[in-house]
Amino acid sequence: MVRLRARCLMVGDPAVGKSALSQMFHSDGTLFQKNYSMTTGVELLIKSVNIPESGDSVELYIIDSAGKESLVEANEKMWGVPSLLCLVFDLASERSFGSCARWMERVRTHCKGLQVPGVLVGNKCDLSARREVPTSVAQEWAQSQGLEYHETSAKEMEKCDAPLLSLARAFHALYQERREAIQNLSPG
C-alpha cells in the first residue's frame, strides 16, 4: 500500500464556486455554506482518496486560491509547485469561461514548463436557465489545453467529487508510470 501526496491548485475567477466545490468534496457533501465570504488568501483542505483496485491512496492538499485579480499575485507565492490543477468557471458566466485562458497562462508561467495534469470544471450546472457556456464549447477548449472536462453543481452536490477523484487517479497513474520506468532501469 502506497500513500501519495499531491498539491492540487484550485483557481478561477471570483464567485465561480471554487470554495463551495472544495468544501463539498472535503466534507463528502455535508457542508454547503449558503453565505460565503470571498477568499482573500489561500485555504488549504486535505482529503485522502483511495485508489480502487490498488490499495493505494492519494492525499490531496487542495489549495483554494482567491480569484480576485488584486489578490492573485500575492497568493501565487503560496501555491508552491502544484502537482495537479483544477480550473473552475461558472457555466452561467461567459466572462468567467473567457478568463480560463488567462488562468492557464498564469499557472503555466508559475510552473515554469512543468506539465501538471488538470481538469476544467464548469460549476453551477443547476443554473441551467441562465447557462451561457455550452458543454461542447467547454469540452473543446478543455481538450485543446490537455484538460479533462467536468460539469458540477456544488449547491446540489452534483458530481462534485468527480473532478478531484479524476485528478487523484491521474496522479496515481503518473506515479505508477514513473515507478515502472525506474524498475526498468535496474539491472535484472
C-alpha atoms as a PDB file:
ATOM      1  CA  MET A   1       0.000   0.000   0.000  1.00  0.00           C
ATOM      2  CA  VAL A   2       1.377   3.362  -1.077  1.00  0.00           C
ATOM      3  CA  ARG A   3       0.258   6.723   0.215  1.00  0.00           C
ATOM      4  CA  LEU A   4       0.983   9.599  -2.152  1.00  0.00           C
ATOM      5  CA  ARG A   5       0.635  13.321  -1.537  1.00  0.00           C
ATOM      6  CA  ALA A   6      -0.366  15.812  -4.220  1.00  0.00           C
ATOM      7  CA  ARG A   7      -0.771  19.596  -4.198  1.00  0.00           C
ATOM      8  CA  CYS A   8      -3.976  20.385  -6.092  1.00  0.00           C
ATOM      9  CA  LEU A   9      -4.240  24.026  -7.096  1.00  0.00           C
ATOM     10  CA  MET A  10      -7.817  25.277  -7.480  1.00  0.00           C
ATOM     11  CA  VAL A  11      -8.078  28.513  -9.487  1.00  0.00           C
ATOM     12  CA  GLY A  12     -10.640  30.553 -11.387  1.00  0.00           C
ATOM     13  CA  ASP A  13     -12.422  33.891 -11.279  1.00  0.00           C
ATOM     14  CA  PRO A  14     -14.105  35.142  -8.095  1.00  0.00           C
ATOM     15  CA  ALA A  15     -17.545  33.701  -7.270  1.00  0.00           C
ATOM     16  CA  VAL A  16     -17.352  30.696  -9.624  1.00  0.00           C
ATOM     17  CA  GLY A  17     -17.722  28.284  -6.694  1.00  0.00           C
ATOM     18  CA  LYS A  18     -14.146  27.149  -6.011  1.00  0.00           C
ATOM     19  CA  SER A  19     -14.573  27.234  -2.233  1.00  0.00           C
ATOM     20  CA  ALA A  20     -18.018  25.636  -2.369  1.00  0.00           C
ATOM     21  CA  LEU A  21     -16.727  22.871  -4.621  1.00  0.00           C
ATOM     22  CA  SER A  22     -13.679  22.157  -2.472  1.00  0.00           C
ATOM     23  CA  GLN A  23     -15.745  22.261   0.747  1.00  0.00           C
ATOM     24  CA  MET A  24     -18.361  19.881  -0.671  1.00  0.00           C
ATOM     25  CA  PHE A  25     -15.649  17.445  -1.785  1.00  0.00           C
ATOM     26  CA  HIS A  26     -13.806  17.696   1.519  1.00  0.00           C
ATOM     27  CA  SER A  27     -16.971  17.179   3.599  1.00  0.00           C
ATOM     28  CA  ASP A  28     -18.410  14.383   1.409  1.00  0.00           C
ATOM     29  CA  GLY A  29     -21.334  16.631   0.520  1.00  0.00           C
ATOM     30  CA  THR A  30     -22.314  17.628   4.034  1.00  0.00           C
ATOM     31  CA  LEU A  31     -21.085  21.235   4.075  1.00  0.00           C
ATOM     32  CA  PHE A  32     -22.582  23.715   1.644  1.00  0.00           C
ATOM     33  CA  GLN A  33     -22.365  27.177   3.126  1.00  0.00           C
ATOM     34  CA  LYS A  34     -25.095  29.426   1.820  1.00  0.00           C
ATOM     35  CA  ASN A  35     -23.180  32.584   2.732  1.00  0.00           C
ATOM     36  CA  TYR A  36     -19.594  32.626   1.586  1.00  0.00           C
ATOM     37  CA  SER A  37     -17.156  35.385   2.223  1.00  0.00           C
ATOM     38  CA  MET A  38     -14.743  35.901  -0.630  1.00  0.00           C
ATOM     39  CA  THR A  39     -11.462  34.027  -0.287  1.00  0.00           C
ATOM     40  CA  THR A  40      -8.715  36.616   0.140  1.00  0.00           C
ATOM     41  CA  GLY A  41      -5.730  34.311   0.519  1.00  0.00           C
ATOM     42  CA  VAL A  42      -5.480  30.603   0.064  1.00  0.00           C
ATOM     43  CA  GLU A  43      -7.380  27.987   2.001  1.00  0.00           C
ATOM     44  CA  LEU A  44      -5.947  24.529   2.450  1.00  0.00           C
ATOM     45  CA  LEU A  45      -8.131  21.431   2.663  1.00  0.00           C
ATOM     46  CA  ILE A  46      -6.752  17.907   2.918  1.00  0.00           C
ATOM     47  CA  LYS A  47      -8.575  14.755   1.903  1.00  0.00           C
ATOM     48  CA  SER A  48      -7.330  11.240   1.311  1.00  0.00           C
ATOM     49  CA  VAL A  49      -8.675   9.430  -1.753  1.00  0.00           C
ATOM     50  CA  ASN A  50      -8.469   5.647  -2.056  1.00  0.00           C
ATOM     51  CA  ILE A  51      -7.497   4.415  -5.492  1.00  0.00           C
ATOM     52  CA  PRO A  52      -9.704   1.421  -6.363  1.00  0.00           C
ATOM     53  CA  GLU A  53      -8.075  -1.945  -7.107  1.00  0.00           C
ATOM     54  CA  SER A  54      -4.664  -0.791  -5.896  1.00  0.00           C
ATOM     55  CA  GLY A  55      -4.864  -0.448  -2.136  1.00  0.00           C
ATOM     56  CA  ASP A  56      -3.054   2.875  -2.602  1.00  0.00           C
ATOM     57  CA  SER A  57      -4.276   6.333  -1.665  1.00  0.00           C
ATOM     58  CA  VAL A  58      -3.591   9.896  -2.710  1.00  0.00           C
ATOM     59  CA  GLU A  59      -3.748  12.588  -0.087  1.00  0.00           C
ATOM     60  CA  LEU A  60      -4.932  15.715  -1.888  1.00  0.00           C
ATOM     61  CA  TYR A  61      -3.744  19.021  -0.479  1.00  0.00           C
ATOM     62  CA  ILE A  62      -6.365  21.268  -2.079  1.00  0.00           C
ATOM     63  CA  ILE A  63      -5.129  24.849  -2.356  1.00  0.00           C
ATOM     64  CA  ASP A  64      -8.225  27.005  -2.856  1.00  0.00           C
ATOM     65  CA  SER A  65      -6.838  30.288  -4.154  1.00  0.00           C
ATOM     66  CA  ALA A  66      -8.517  33.693  -4.272  1.00  0.00           C
ATOM     67  CA  GLY A  67      -9.827  34.626  -7.695  1.00  0.00           C
ATOM     68  CA  LYS A  68      -9.782  38.396  -7.406  1.00  0.00           C
ATOM     69  CA  GLU A  69      -7.005  39.765  -9.628  1.00  0.00           C
ATOM     70  CA  SER A  70      -5.639  42.165  -6.997  1.00  0.00           C
ATOM     71  CA  LEU A  71      -5.079  39.236  -4.603  1.00  0.00           C
ATOM     72  CA  VAL A  72      -3.712  36.646  -7.018  1.00  0.00           C
ATOM     73  CA  GLU A  73      -0.125  37.914  -7.278  1.00  0.00           C
ATOM     74  CA  ALA A  74       0.360  37.830  -3.508  1.00  0.00           C
ATOM     75  CA  ASN A  75      -1.240  34.391  -3.303  1.00  0.00           C
ATOM     76  CA  GLU A  76       0.889  32.877  -6.068  1.00  0.00           C
ATOM     77  CA  LYS A  77       3.775  32.656  -3.618  1.00  0.00           C
ATOM     78  CA  MET A  78       1.669  30.255  -1.530  1.00  0.00           C
ATOM     79  CA  TRP A  79       0.860  27.961  -4.472  1.00  0.00           C
ATOM     80  CA  GLY A  80       4.199  26.195  -4.212  1.00  0.00           C
ATOM     81  CA  VAL A  81       4.756  23.684  -7.005  1.00  0.00           C
ATOM     82  CA  PRO A  82       1.358  22.177  -7.783  1.00  0.00           C
ATOM     83  CA  SER A  83       1.042  18.520  -8.767  1.00  0.00           C
ATOM     84  CA  LEU A  84      -2.497  18.937 -10.113  1.00  0.00           C
ATOM     85  CA  LEU A  85      -4.721  21.722 -11.426  1.00  0.00           C
ATOM     86  CA  CYS A  86      -8.453  22.279 -11.013  1.00  0.00           C
ATOM     87  CA  LEU A  87      -9.571  25.265 -13.126  1.00  0.00           C
ATOM     88  CA  VAL A  88     -13.146  26.313 -12.312  1.00  0.00           C
ATOM     89  CA  PHE A  89     -15.577  28.579 -14.167  1.00  0.00           C
ATOM     90  CA  ASP A  90     -19.279  29.419 -13.800  1.00  0.00           C
ATOM     91  CA  LEU A  91     -21.484  27.871 -16.521  1.00  0.00           C
ATOM     92  CA  ALA A  92     -23.779  30.901 -16.206  1.00  0.00           C
ATOM     93  CA  SER A  93     -20.926  33.335 -16.907  1.00  0.00           C
ATOM     94  CA  GLU A  94     -19.315  33.571 -20.331  1.00  0.00           C
ATOM     95  CA  ARG A  95     -16.853  36.032 -18.798  1.00  0.00           C
ATOM     96  CA  SER A  96     -15.547  33.514 -16.238  1.00  0.00           C
ATOM     97  CA  PHE A  97     -15.098  30.964 -19.031  1.00  0.00           C
ATOM     98  CA  GLY A  98     -13.223  33.521 -21.115  1.00  0.00           C
ATOM     99  CA  SER A  99     -10.835  34.064 -18.204  1.00  0.00           C
ATOM    100  CA  CYS A 100      -9.777  30.414 -18.233  1.00  0.00           C
ATOM    101  CA  ALA A 101      -7.108  31.099 -20.884  1.00  0.00           C
ATOM    102  CA  ARG A 102      -5.574  33.776 -18.647  1.00  0.00           C
ATOM    103  CA  TRP A 103      -5.619  31.384 -15.676  1.00  0.00           C
ATOM    104  CA  MET A 104      -3.941  28.643 -17.716  1.00  0.00           C
ATOM    105  CA  GLU A 105      -1.221  31.055 -18.814  1.00  0.00           C
ATOM    106  CA  ARG A 106      -0.664  32.202 -15.238  1.00  0.00           C
ATOM    107  CA  VAL A 107      -0.383  28.618 -13.957  1.00  0.00           C
ATOM    108  CA  ARG A 108       1.936  27.598 -16.811  1.00  0.00           C
ATOM    109  CA  THR A 109       4.185  30.583 -16.120  1.00  0.00           C
ATOM    110  CA  HIS A 110       4.175  29.779 -12.404  1.00  0.00           C
ATOM    111  CA  CYS A 111       5.037  26.110 -13.065  1.00  0.00           C
ATOM    112  CA  LYS A 112       7.889  27.049 -15.438  1.00  0.00           C
ATOM    113  CA  GLY A 113       7.091  24.467 -18.092  1.00  0.00           C
ATOM    114  CA  LEU A 114       6.309  21.596 -15.718  1.00  0.00           C
ATOM    115  CA  GLN A 115       3.400  19.521 -17.065  1.00  0.00           C
ATOM    116  CA  VAL A 116       0.614  19.486 -14.482  1.00  0.00           C
ATOM    117  CA  PRO A 117      -2.373  17.149 -15.000  1.00  0.00           C
ATOM    118  CA  GLY A 118      -5.592  19.090 -14.748  1.00  0.00           C
ATOM    119  CA  VAL A 119      -9.338  19.362 -15.095  1.00  0.00           C
ATOM    120  CA  LEU A 120     -11.620  22.131 -16.267  1.00  0.00           C
ATOM    121  CA  VAL A 121     -14.774  22.348 -14.168  1.00  0.00           C
ATOM    122  CA  GLY A 122     -17.945  24.089 -15.284  1.00  0.00           C
ATOM    123  CA  ASN A 123     -19.692  24.713 -11.970  1.00  0.00           C
ATOM    124  CA  LYS A 124     -23.291  25.750 -11.242  1.00  0.00           C
ATOM    125  CA  CYS A 125     -24.966  23.372 -13.712  1.00  0.00           C
ATOM    126  CA  ASP A 126     -28.074  23.784 -11.535  1.00  0.00           C
ATOM    127  CA  LEU A 127     -28.498  27.249 -13.118  1.00  0.00           C
ATOM    128  CA  SER A 128     -29.475  25.728 -16.479  1.00  0.00           C
ATOM    129  CA  ALA A 129     -31.916  28.551 -17.325  1.00  0.00           C
ATOM    130  CA  ARG A 130     -29.062  31.079 -17.061  1.00  0.00           C
ATOM    131  CA  ARG A 131     -26.424  28.938 -18.766  1.00  0.00           C
ATOM    132  CA  GLU A 132     -24.107  30.899 -21.093  1.00  0.00           C
ATOM    133  CA  VAL A 133     -21.409  28.305 -21.875  1.00  0.00           C
ATOM    134  CA  PRO A 134     -22.406  25.267 -23.971  1.00  0.00           C
ATOM    135  CA  THR A 135     -20.924  21.922 -22.957  1.00  0.00           C
ATOM    136  CA  SER A 136     -19.429  21.366 -26.409  1.00  0.00           C
ATOM    137  CA  VAL A 137     -17.533  24.689 -26.304  1.00  0.00           C
ATOM    138  CA  ALA A 138     -16.098  23.994 -22.850  1.00  0.00           C
ATOM    139  CA  GLN A 139     -15.167  20.410 -23.797  1.00  0.00           C
ATOM    140  CA  GLU A 140     -13.403  21.566 -26.939  1.00  0.00           C
ATOM    141  CA  TRP A 141     -11.403  24.212 -25.075  1.00  0.00           C
ATOM    142  CA  ALA A 142     -10.501  21.772 -22.279  1.00  0.00           C
ATOM    143  CA  GLN A 143      -9.295  19.228 -24.816  1.00  0.00           C
ATOM    144  CA  SER A 144      -7.180  21.874 -26.581  1.00  0.00           C
ATOM    145  CA  GLN A 145      -5.481  22.557 -23.237  1.00  0.00           C
ATOM    146  CA  GLY A 146      -4.965  18.898 -22.326  1.00  0.00           C
ATOM    147  CA  LEU A 147      -7.571  19.061 -19.561  1.00  0.00           C
ATOM    148  CA  GLU A 148     -10.373  16.667 -18.703  1.00  0.00           C
ATOM    149  CA  TYR A 149     -13.788  18.371 -18.548  1.00  0.00           C
ATOM    150  CA  HIS A 150     -16.440  18.048 -15.810  1.00  0.00           C
ATOM    151  CA  GLU A 151     -19.702  19.838 -15.014  1.00  0.00           C
ATOM    152  CA  THR A 152     -20.788  20.132 -11.388  1.00  0.00           C
ATOM    153  CA  SER A 153     -23.174  21.839  -9.017  1.00  0.00           C
ATOM    154  CA  ALA A 154     -21.730  22.402  -5.564  1.00  0.00           C
ATOM    155  CA  LYS A 155     -25.127  23.680  -4.394  1.00  0.00           C
ATOM    156  CA  GLU A 156     -26.935  20.495  -5.475  1.00  0.00           C
ATOM    157  CA  MET A 157     -23.923  18.238  -4.744  1.00  0.00           C
ATOM    158  CA  GLU A 158     -23.969  17.059  -8.354  1.00  0.00           C
ATOM    159  CA  LYS A 159     -20.750  15.314  -9.375  1.00  0.00           C
ATOM    160  CA  CYS A 160     -18.617  17.442  -7.007  1.00  0.00           C
ATOM    161  CA  ASP A 161     -16.264  14.578  -6.301  1.00  0.00           C
ATOM    162  CA  ALA A 162     -15.722  13.553  -9.952  1.00  0.00           C
ATOM    163  CA  PRO A 163     -13.100  16.183 -10.910  1.00  0.00           C
ATOM    164  CA  LEU A 164     -10.976  15.684  -7.810  1.00  0.00           C
ATOM    165  CA  LEU A 165     -11.266  11.883  -7.889  1.00  0.00           C
ATOM    166  CA  SER A 166     -10.175  12.040 -11.521  1.00  0.00           C
ATOM    167  CA  LEU A 167      -7.153  14.124 -10.538  1.00  0.00           C
ATOM    168  CA  ALA A 168      -6.226  11.677  -7.758  1.00  0.00           C
ATOM    169  CA  ARG A 169      -6.383   8.779 -10.248  1.00  0.00           C
ATOM    170  CA  ALA A 170      -4.277  10.745 -12.768  1.00  0.00           C
ATOM    171  CA  PHE A 171      -1.645  11.459 -10.112  1.00  0.00           C
ATOM    172  CA  HIS A 172      -1.573   7.794  -9.102  1.00  0.00           C
ATOM    173  CA  ALA A 173      -1.200   6.763 -12.759  1.00  0.00           C
ATOM    174  CA  LEU A 174       1.785   9.120 -13.119  1.00  0.00           C
ATOM    175  CA  TYR A 175       3.334   7.551 -10.028  1.00  0.00           C
ATOM    176  CA  GLN A 176       2.829   4.064 -11.491  1.00  0.00           C
ATOM    177  CA  GLU A 177       4.405   5.096 -14.827  1.00  0.00           C
ATOM    178  CA  ARG A 178       7.456   6.584 -13.119  1.00  0.00           C
ATOM    179  CA  ARG A 179       7.795   3.609 -10.811  1.00  0.00           C
ATOM    180  CA  GLU A 180       7.753   1.213 -13.786  1.00  0.00           C
ATOM    181  CA  ALA A 181      10.283   3.362 -15.657  1.00  0.00           C
ATOM    182  CA  ILE A 182      12.651   3.238 -12.685  1.00  0.00           C
ATOM    183  CA  GLN A 183      12.189  -0.505 -12.301  1.00  0.00           C
ATOM    184  CA  ASN A 184      13.021  -0.965 -15.990  1.00  0.00           C
ATOM    185  CA  LEU A 185      16.305   0.899 -15.433  1.00  0.00           C
ATOM    186  CA  SER A 186      17.535  -1.501 -12.738  1.00  0.00           C
ATOM    187  CA  PRO A 187      19.706  -4.366 -13.865  1.00  0.00           C
ATOM    188  CA  GLY A 188      17.963  -7.568 -13.904  1.00  0.00           C
END
